[in-house]
C-alpha atoms as a PDB file:
ATOM      1  CA  MET A   1      60.703 -99.476  45.353  1.00  0.00           C
ATOM      2  CA  GLY A   2      57.594 -99.597  45.250  1.00  0.00           C
ATOM      3  CA  GLU A   3      56.991 -98.013  48.001  1.00  0.00           C
ATOM      4  CA  ASN A   4      59.269 -94.678  45.830  1.00  0.00           C
ATOM      5  CA  THR A   5      56.780 -95.062  43.327  1.00  0.00           C
ATOM      6  CA  GLY A   6      53.448 -95.313  45.884  1.00  0.00           C
ATOM      7  CA  ASP A   7      55.118 -91.687  47.371  1.00  0.00           C
ATOM      8  CA  LYS A   8      55.302 -90.654  43.933  1.00  0.00           C
ATOM      9  CA  LYS A   9      51.761 -90.760  43.067  1.00  0.00           C
ATOM     10  CA  VAL A  10      50.920 -89.054  46.603  1.00  0.00           C
ATOM     11  CA  ASN A  11      53.191 -86.432  45.989  1.00  0.00           C
ATOM     12  CA  SER A  12      51.865 -86.001  42.404  1.00  0.00           C
ATOM     13  CA  ALA A  13      48.422 -86.432  43.362  1.00  0.00           C
ATOM     14  CA  GLU A  14      49.264 -83.639  46.097  1.00  0.00           C
ATOM     15  CA  GLU A  15      50.463 -81.065  43.544  1.00  0.00           C
ATOM     16  CA  ARG A  16      47.539 -81.739  41.283  1.00  0.00           C
ATOM     17  CA  GLU A  17      45.445 -81.005  44.147  1.00  0.00           C
ATOM     18  CA  SER A  18      47.514 -77.191  45.200  1.00  0.00           C
ATOM     19  CA  GLY A  19      47.402 -76.267  41.388  1.00  0.00           C
ATOM     20  CA  ILE A  20      43.141 -77.254  41.189  1.00  0.00           C
ATOM     21  CA  ASP A  21      42.914 -74.646  44.095  1.00  0.00           C
ATOM     22  CA  GLN A  22      45.679 -72.377  43.082  1.00  0.00           C
ATOM     23  CA  ASP A  23      43.694 -71.318  40.241  1.00  0.00           C
ATOM     24  CA  ARG A  24      40.284 -71.914  41.275  1.00  0.00           C
ATOM     25  CA  GLU A  25      41.945 -68.917  43.711  1.00  0.00           C
ATOM     26  CA  ASP A  26      43.051 -67.069  41.158  1.00  0.00           C
ATOM     27  CA  GLY A  27      39.672 -67.525  39.409  1.00  0.00           C
ATOM     28  CA  LEU A  28      37.798 -66.181  42.777  1.00  0.00           C
ATOM     29  CA  ARG A  29      40.102 -63.402  41.937  1.00  0.00           C
ATOM     30  CA  GLU A  30      39.823 -62.317  38.367  1.00  0.00           C
ATOM     31  CA  PRO A  31      36.164 -61.718  39.103  1.00  0.00           C
ATOM     32  CA  GLU A  32      36.882 -59.591  41.631  1.00  0.00           C
ATOM     33  CA  ALA A  33      38.839 -57.265  39.544  1.00  0.00           C
ATOM     34  CA  GLY A  34      37.171 -57.737  37.133  1.00  0.00           C
ATOM     35  CA  ASP A  35      34.126 -56.636  38.989  1.00  0.00           C
ATOM     36  CA  SER A  36      35.988 -53.696  39.861  1.00  0.00           C
ATOM     37  CA  GLY A  37      37.058 -52.708  36.879  1.00  0.00           C
ATOM     38  CA  GLY A  38      33.297 -53.202  35.574  1.00  0.00           C
ATOM     39  CA  GLN A  39      31.795 -51.128  38.295  1.00  0.00           C
ATOM     40  CA  ALA A  40      33.765 -48.355  37.284  1.00  0.00           C
ATOM     41  CA  GLY A  41      33.434 -48.486  33.594  1.00  0.00           C
ATOM     42  CA  GLY A  42      29.716 -48.420  34.997  1.00  0.00           C
ATOM     43  CA  ARG A  43      30.077 -45.223  36.444  1.00  0.00           C
ATOM     44  CA  ASP A  44      32.472 -43.822  33.267  1.00  0.00           C
ATOM     45  CA  ALA A  45      29.516 -44.425  31.276  1.00  0.00           C
ATOM     46  CA  GLU A  46      26.956 -43.158  33.349  1.00  0.00           C
ATOM     47  CA  VAL A  47      28.243 -40.065  33.284  1.00  0.00           C
ATOM     48  CA  PRO A  48      27.845 -39.142  29.543  1.00  0.00           C
ATOM     49  CA  ALA A  49      23.953 -40.576  29.692  1.00  0.00           C
ATOM     50  CA  GLU A  50      23.171 -38.068  32.493  1.00  0.00           C
ATOM     51  CA  ALA A  51      25.235 -35.211  30.346  1.00  0.00           C
ATOM     52  CA  ARG A  52      23.088 -36.422  27.495  1.00  0.00           C
ATOM     53  CA  THR A  53      19.514 -36.085  29.160  1.00  0.00           C
ATOM     54  CA  GLU A  54      20.409 -32.567  30.404  1.00  0.00           C
ATOM     55  CA  ASP A  55      21.155 -31.661  26.985  1.00  0.00           C
ATOM     56  CA  ASP A  56      18.034 -32.784  25.500  1.00  0.00           C
ATOM     57  CA  ALA A  57      15.921 -31.473  28.105  1.00  0.00           C
ATOM     58  CA  ALA A  58      17.595 -28.222  27.244  1.00  0.00           C
ATOM     59  CA  GLU A  59      16.791 -28.223  23.852  1.00  0.00           C
ATOM     60  CA  GLU A  60      13.279 -29.530  24.109  1.00  0.00           C
ATOM     61  CA  ALA A  61      12.754 -26.442  26.740  1.00  0.00           C
ATOM     62  CA  ALA A  62      14.479 -24.216  24.082  1.00  0.00           C
ATOM     63  CA  GLY A  63      11.740 -25.790  21.145  1.00  0.00           C
ATOM     64  CA  GLU A  64       9.261 -24.830  23.609  1.00  0.00           C
ATOM     65  CA  PRO A  65       6.958 -21.868  22.782  1.00  0.00           C
ATOM     66  CA  SER A  66       6.674 -19.625  25.972  1.00  0.00           C
ATOM     67  CA  PRO A  67       2.827 -18.696  26.941  1.00  0.00           C
ATOM     68  CA  GLU A  68       3.096 -15.334  25.912  1.00  0.00           C
ATOM     69  CA  GLN A  69       3.731 -16.557  22.452  1.00  0.00           C
ATOM     70  CA  ILE A  70       1.000 -19.329  22.463  1.00  0.00           C
ATOM     71  CA  ILE A  71      -1.180 -16.444  23.462  1.00  0.00           C
ATOM     72  CA  ALA A  72      -0.124 -14.259  20.820  1.00  0.00           C
ATOM     73  CA  ASP A  73      -0.087 -16.607  17.910  1.00  0.00           C
ATOM     74  CA  LEU A  74      -4.151 -17.597  19.412  1.00  0.00           C
ATOM     75  CA  GLU A  75      -5.019 -13.888  19.121  1.00  0.00           C
ATOM     76  CA  GLY A  76      -3.474 -13.224  15.391  1.00  0.00           C
ATOM     77  CA  LYS A  77      -5.561 -16.921  14.335  1.00  0.00           C
ATOM     78  CA  ASN A  78      -8.560 -15.696  16.129  1.00  0.00           C
ATOM     79  CA  ALA A  79      -8.349 -12.148  14.250  1.00  0.00           C
ATOM     80  CA  GLU A  80      -7.998 -14.143  11.060  1.00  0.00           C
ATOM     81  CA  LEU A  81     -10.663 -16.108  11.531  1.00  0.00           C
ATOM     82  CA  ASN A  82     -13.224 -13.223  12.695  1.00  0.00           C
ATOM     83  CA  ASP A  83     -11.809 -11.162   9.779  1.00  0.00           C
ATOM     84  CA  ARG A  84     -12.782 -13.903   7.401  1.00  0.00           C
ATOM     85  CA  TYR A  85     -15.806 -14.690   8.857  1.00  0.00           C
ATOM     86  CA  LEU A  86     -16.974 -11.046   8.605  1.00  0.00           C
ATOM     87  CA  ARG A  87     -16.027 -10.931   4.699  1.00  0.00           C
ATOM     88  CA  LYS A  88     -18.108 -13.924   4.299  1.00  0.00           C
ATOM     89  CA  ALA A  89     -20.896 -12.249   5.915  1.00  0.00           C
ATOM     90  CA  ALA A  90     -20.902  -8.964   4.477  1.00  0.00           C
ATOM     91  CA  ASP A  91     -20.374 -10.935   0.886  1.00  0.00           C
ATOM     92  CA  PHE A  92     -23.808 -12.541   1.663  1.00  0.00           C
ATOM     93  CA  ASP A  93     -25.386  -9.717   2.966  1.00  0.00           C
ATOM     94  CA  ASN A  94     -24.364  -8.222  -0.170  1.00  0.00           C
ATOM     95  CA  PHE A  95     -26.042 -11.152  -2.524  1.00  0.00           C
ATOM     96  CA  ARG A  96     -29.180 -11.241  -0.262  1.00  0.00           C
ATOM     97  CA  LYS A  97     -29.167  -7.486  -1.416  1.00  0.00           C
ATOM     98  CA  ARG A  98     -28.352  -8.153  -4.920  1.00  0.00           C
ATOM     99  CA  MET A  99     -31.339 -11.089  -5.116  1.00  0.00           C
ATOM    100  CA  THR A 100     -33.647  -9.004  -3.380  1.00  0.00           C
ATOM    101  CA  ARG A 101     -32.821  -5.966  -5.938  1.00  0.00           C
ATOM    102  CA  GLU A 102     -33.396  -8.373  -9.063  1.00  0.00           C
ATOM    103  CA  LYS A 103     -36.566 -10.471  -7.680  1.00  0.00           C
ATOM    104  CA  GLN A 104     -37.864  -6.783  -7.203  1.00  0.00           C
ATOM    105  CA  ASP A 105     -37.107  -5.434 -10.872  1.00  0.00           C
ATOM    106  CA  ALA A 106     -38.066  -8.601 -12.553  1.00  0.00           C
ATOM    107  CA  ILE A 107     -41.654  -8.017 -10.298  1.00  0.00           C
ATOM    108  CA  ASP A 108     -41.612  -4.107 -11.438  1.00  0.00           C
ATOM    109  CA  PHE A 109     -40.791  -5.119 -15.206  1.00  0.00           C
ATOM    110  CA  ALA A 110     -42.200  -8.302 -16.088  1.00  0.00           C
ATOM    111  CA  ASN A 111     -44.483  -5.749 -18.534  1.00  0.00           C
ATOM    112  CA  GLN A 112     -41.616  -4.110 -19.678  1.00  0.00           C
ATOM    113  CA  SER A 113     -42.238  -5.504 -23.076  1.00  0.00           C
ATOM    114  CA  LEU A 114     -46.077  -5.404 -23.321  1.00  0.00           C
ATOM    115  CA  ILE A 115     -46.035  -2.022 -22.798  1.00  0.00           C
ATOM    116  CA  LEU A 116     -43.285  -1.025 -24.999  1.00  0.00           C
ATOM    117  CA  ASP A 117     -46.029  -2.395 -27.969  1.00  0.00           C
ATOM    118  CA  LEU A 118     -48.287  -0.542 -26.508  1.00  0.00           C
ATOM    119  CA  ILE A 119     -46.045   2.848 -26.679  1.00  0.00           C
ATOM    120  CA  PRO A 120     -46.357   3.092 -30.467  1.00  0.00           C
ATOM    121  CA  ILE A 121     -50.155   3.031 -30.344  1.00  0.00           C
ATOM    122  CA  ILE A 122     -49.740   6.203 -27.888  1.00  0.00           C
ATOM    123  CA  ASP A 123     -47.646   7.666 -30.495  1.00  0.00           C
ATOM    124  CA  ASP A 124     -50.870   6.848 -33.096  1.00  0.00           C
ATOM    125  CA  PHE A 125     -53.104   8.553 -30.558  1.00  0.00           C
ATOM    126  CA  GLU A 126     -50.396  11.741 -30.269  1.00  0.00           C
ATOM    127  CA  ARG A 127     -50.418  12.354 -33.710  1.00  0.00           C
ATOM    128  CA  ALA A 128     -53.909  11.977 -34.728  1.00  0.00           C
ATOM    129  CA  ILE A 129     -54.922  14.688 -31.998  1.00  0.00           C
ATOM    130  CA  LYS A 130     -52.108  16.726 -33.027  1.00  0.00           C
ATOM    131  CA  ALA A 131     -53.752  16.830 -36.575  1.00  0.00           C
ATOM    132  CA  ALA A 132     -57.033  17.169 -35.323  1.00  0.00           C
ATOM    133  CA  GLU A 133     -55.803  20.285 -33.303  1.00  0.00           C
ATOM    134  CA  THR A 134     -54.096  21.672 -36.241  1.00  0.00           C
ATOM    135  CA  ALA A 135     -57.081  20.944 -38.324  1.00  0.00           C
ATOM    136  CA  ILE A 136     -58.841  23.126 -35.838  1.00  0.00           C
ATOM    137  CA  ALA A 137     -56.516  25.652 -35.240  1.00  0.00           C
ATOM    138  CA  GLY A 138     -56.716  26.335 -39.279  1.00  0.00           C
ATOM    139  CA  ALA A 139     -60.685  26.338 -39.203  1.00  0.00           C
ATOM    140  CA  GLY A 140     -61.197  29.070 -37.280  1.00  0.00           C
ATOM    141  CA  GLY A 141     -61.254  26.649 -33.491  1.00  0.00           C
ATOM    142  CA  VAL A 142     -63.868  24.692 -32.769  1.00  0.00           C
ATOM    143  CA  SER A 143     -66.932  27.021 -33.480  1.00  0.00           C
ATOM    144  CA  GLY A 144     -65.691  27.349 -36.600  1.00  0.00           C
ATOM    145  CA  GLY A 145     -68.225  26.743 -39.632  1.00  0.00           C
ATOM    146  CA  ASP A 146     -65.187  24.429 -41.296  1.00  0.00           C
ATOM    147  CA  ILE A 147     -65.238  21.767 -38.240  1.00  0.00           C
ATOM    148  CA  SER A 148     -68.545  19.238 -37.987  1.00  0.00           C
ATOM    149  CA  LYS A 149     -69.254  18.200 -34.937  1.00  0.00           C
ATOM    150  CA  ASP A 150     -68.486  14.620 -35.863  1.00  0.00           C
ATOM    151  CA  PHE A 151     -64.908  15.833 -36.507  1.00  0.00           C
ATOM    152  CA  THR A 152     -65.154  16.747 -32.892  1.00  0.00           C
ATOM    153  CA  ALA A 153     -66.432  14.649 -31.420  1.00  0.00           C
ATOM    154  CA  LEU A 154     -63.910  12.388 -32.527  1.00  0.00           C
ATOM    155  CA  TYR A 155     -61.727  14.342 -31.849  1.00  0.00           C
ATOM    156  CA  GLU A 156     -62.557  14.608 -28.092  1.00  0.00           C
ATOM    157  CA  GLY A 157     -63.135  10.842 -27.791  1.00  0.00           C
ATOM    158  CA  ILE A 158     -59.670  10.350 -29.145  1.00  0.00           C
ATOM    159  CA  SER A 159     -57.827  12.908 -26.304  1.00  0.00           C
ATOM    160  CA  MET A 160     -59.954  11.439 -23.506  1.00  0.00           C
ATOM    161  CA  THR A 161     -59.090   7.695 -24.601  1.00  0.00           C
ATOM    162  CA  GLU A 162     -55.399   8.759 -25.012  1.00  0.00           C
ATOM    163  CA  LYS A 163     -55.521  10.132 -21.597  1.00  0.00           C
ATOM    164  CA  ARG A 164     -57.233   7.233 -19.576  1.00  0.00           C
ATOM    165  CA  LEU A 165     -55.120   4.755 -21.362  1.00  0.00           C
ATOM    166  CA  LEU A 166     -52.159   6.940 -20.286  1.00  0.00           C
ATOM    167  CA  THR A 167     -53.886   7.611 -16.528  1.00  0.00           C
ATOM    168  CA  GLN A 168     -53.985   3.526 -16.660  1.00  0.00           C
ATOM    169  CA  LEU A 169     -50.302   3.116 -17.524  1.00  0.00           C
ATOM    170  CA  GLU A 170     -49.397   5.478 -14.908  1.00  0.00           C
ATOM    171  CA  ASN A 171     -51.075   4.592 -11.875  1.00  0.00           C
ATOM    172  CA  ARG A 172     -50.898   0.624 -12.464  1.00  0.00           C
ATOM    173  CA  TRP A 173     -47.645   0.365 -13.970  1.00  0.00           C
ATOM    174  CA  GLY A 174     -45.427   3.273 -13.401  1.00  0.00           C
ATOM    175  CA  LEU A 175     -45.010   4.409 -16.636  1.00  0.00           C
ATOM    176  CA  LYS A 176     -44.381   8.506 -17.441  1.00  0.00           C
ATOM    177  CA  ARG A 177     -43.807  10.367 -20.087  1.00  0.00           C
ATOM    178  CA  TYR A 178     -41.801  13.026 -20.073  1.00  0.00           C
ATOM    179  CA  ASP A 179     -41.510  16.360 -21.175  1.00  0.00           C
ATOM    180  CA  SER A 180     -38.379  17.420 -23.997  1.00  0.00           C
ATOM    181  CA  ALA A 181     -38.870  20.233 -25.477  1.00  0.00           C
ATOM    182  CA  GLY A 182     -36.631  23.826 -24.184  1.00  0.00           C
ATOM    183  CA  GLU A 183     -34.286  21.103 -21.930  1.00  0.00           C
ATOM    184  CA  PRO A 184     -30.961  20.657 -21.791  1.00  0.00           C
ATOM    185  CA  PHE A 185     -29.744  17.798 -23.709  1.00  0.00           C
ATOM    186  CA  ASP A 186     -29.085  14.281 -22.505  1.00  0.00           C
ATOM    187  CA  PRO A 187     -28.148  11.474 -23.856  1.00  0.00           C
ATOM    188  CA  ASN A 188     -29.387   9.598 -21.016  1.00  0.00           C
ATOM    189  CA  PHE A 189     -33.178  11.175 -21.508  1.00  0.00           C
ATOM    190  CA  HIS A 190     -32.598  11.980 -25.380  1.00  0.00           C
ATOM    191  CA  GLU A 191     -31.733  10.784 -28.551  1.00  0.00           C
ATOM    192  CA  ALA A 192     -30.679  12.967 -31.260  1.00  0.00           C
ATOM    193  CA  LEU A 193     -31.841  12.469 -34.414  1.00  0.00           C
ATOM    194  CA  MET A 194     -30.723  15.624 -36.143  1.00  0.00           C
ATOM    195  CA  MET A 195     -28.536  19.082 -34.773  1.00  0.00           C
ATOM    196  CA  GLU A 196     -28.273  22.787 -35.822  1.00  0.00           C
ATOM    197  CA  LYS A 197     -25.762  25.613 -34.326  1.00  0.00           C
ATOM    198  CA  SER A 198     -26.994  28.745 -32.658  1.00  0.00           C
ATOM    199  CA  ALA A 199     -25.035  31.698 -31.143  1.00  0.00           C
ATOM    200  CA  ASP A 200     -27.334  32.568 -28.702  1.00  0.00           C
ATOM    201  CA  ILE A 201     -26.738  29.983 -26.305  1.00  0.00           C
ATOM    202  CA  THR A 202     -24.242  28.218 -24.096  1.00  0.00           C
ATOM    203  CA  GLU A 203     -24.814  24.671 -23.907  1.00  0.00           C
ATOM    204  CA  ALA A 204     -27.217  21.791 -26.052  1.00  0.00           C
ATOM    205  CA  ILE A 205     -30.759  22.330 -25.782  1.00  0.00           C
ATOM    206  CA  VAL A 206     -33.554  19.891 -27.103  1.00  0.00           C
ATOM    207  CA  GLN A 207     -35.197  22.353 -29.376  1.00  0.00           C
ATOM    208  CA  GLU A 208     -37.877  19.977 -31.124  1.00  0.00           C
ATOM    209  CA  GLU A 209     -39.039  17.283 -29.916  1.00  0.00           C
ATOM    210  CA  TRP A 210     -40.290  14.965 -32.580  1.00  0.00           C
ATOM    211  CA  THR A 211     -41.377  11.673 -30.643  1.00  0.00           C
ATOM    212  CA  LYS A 212     -41.639  11.754 -26.759  1.00  0.00           C
ATOM    213  CA  GLY A 213     -39.881   9.671 -23.964  1.00  0.00           C
ATOM    214  CA  TYR A 214     -40.710   7.013 -20.917  1.00  0.00           C
ATOM    215  CA  THR A 215     -39.846   5.852 -18.011  1.00  0.00           C
ATOM    216  CA  LEU A 216     -41.031   2.750 -16.532  1.00  0.00           C
ATOM    217  CA  LYS A 217     -40.674   3.121 -12.428  1.00  0.00           C
ATOM    218  CA  ASP A 218     -37.981   5.318 -12.947  1.00  0.00           C
ATOM    219  CA  ARG A 219     -36.078   3.340 -16.107  1.00  0.00           C
ATOM    220  CA  VAL A 220     -35.332   4.973 -19.371  1.00  0.00           C
ATOM    221  CA  ILE A 221     -37.393   1.892 -20.938  1.00  0.00           C
ATOM    222  CA  ARG A 222     -37.460   5.059 -24.543  1.00  0.00           C
ATOM    223  CA  THR A 223     -35.417   7.448 -24.858  1.00  0.00           C
ATOM    224  CA  ALA A 224     -36.965  10.905 -26.661  1.00  0.00           C
ATOM    225  CA  GLN A 225     -36.410  11.268 -30.768  1.00  0.00           C
ATOM    226  CA  VAL A 226     -35.553  15.061 -30.950  1.00  0.00           C
ATOM    227  CA  LYS A 227     -33.600  17.982 -32.683  1.00  0.00           C
ATOM    228  CA  VAL A 228     -31.160  19.530 -30.655  1.00  0.00           C
ATOM    229  CA  LEU A 229     -30.009  23.092 -30.865  1.00  0.00           C
ATOM    230  CA  MET A 230     -25.888  23.614 -30.462  1.00  0.00           C
ATOM    231  CA  PRO A 231     -23.897  26.578 -28.822  1.00  0.00           C
ATOM    232  CA  GLU A 232     -21.702  27.573 -32.243  1.00  0.00           C
ATOM    233  CA  ASP A 233     -18.512  28.330 -30.070  1.00  0.00           C
ATOM    234  CA  PRO A 234     -18.120  25.549 -27.410  1.00  0.00           C
ATOM    235  CA  GLY A 235     -15.455  27.718 -25.736  1.00  0.00           C
ATOM    236  CA  ARG A 236     -17.985  30.541 -24.782  1.00  0.00           C
ATOM    237  CA  ASP A 237     -18.960  30.882 -21.709  1.00  0.00           C
ATOM    238  CA  ALA A 238     -22.429  32.201 -20.168  1.00  0.00           C
ATOM    239  CA  ALA A 239     -20.784  35.509 -20.312  1.00  0.00           C
ATOM    240  CA  GLY A 240     -20.226  35.884 -23.917  1.00  0.00           C
ATOM    241  CA  ASN A 241     -16.614  35.496 -23.125  1.00  0.00           C
ATOM    242  CA  GLY A 242     -14.611  33.570 -25.898  1.00  0.00           C
ATOM    243  CA  GLY A 243     -13.240  30.524 -24.845  1.00  0.00           C
ATOM    244  CA  SER A 244      -9.214  29.912 -23.871  1.00  0.00           C
ATOM    245  CA  PRO A 245      -7.442  29.578 -27.716  1.00  0.00           C
ATOM    246  CA  SER A 246      -5.785  26.502 -28.338  1.00  0.00           C
END
């Protein structure tokens, strides 16, 4: 019986070893199958990745502008910047001209207020001269018996003073006096204080001048005060034909 028991133990040990070897062989064979499956799965996974790479490359190529488009965009931006530069240059040139003109006007018309204060004094000289001339004409001239030498000297002195003052203002400061009697009426140069109609004219004419007008550097600083002769029929032309009926 002891021998039988020993044989059974030996057989059991051999069976266990045989089972272990069998499991070991099975374990070795399973990884091979797994590796084969894994390799197959890897190859299957690599195909979609390559496809996606090609798709991405195609999308990037489609999104990138062509050299012609890049050149056209740059030319458009260059034209826009050039236009903006020309506009800024023109604005600056206009600003420079305006500042130069304003500076020159400030120089030319710096004494305008003073000259405007002197013009009424010149008017008084003119009135005095006209009054003296009227008195001389009523007395039969300078050689008339009613005109004394002192009056004649006073008249000549006032006339010379007025003339010298006007000459000085004109030569140094550009003040000029203009005549209006007999000239066509111009509201830029004349201030109408009275109007009278006449059938003998076809346009408004200055009939009488009460105070003279003055310009400073060709700018009117005081308009002449005048009496205007207006045409009786505004629609009448130079040939005397009436205007079209309304």
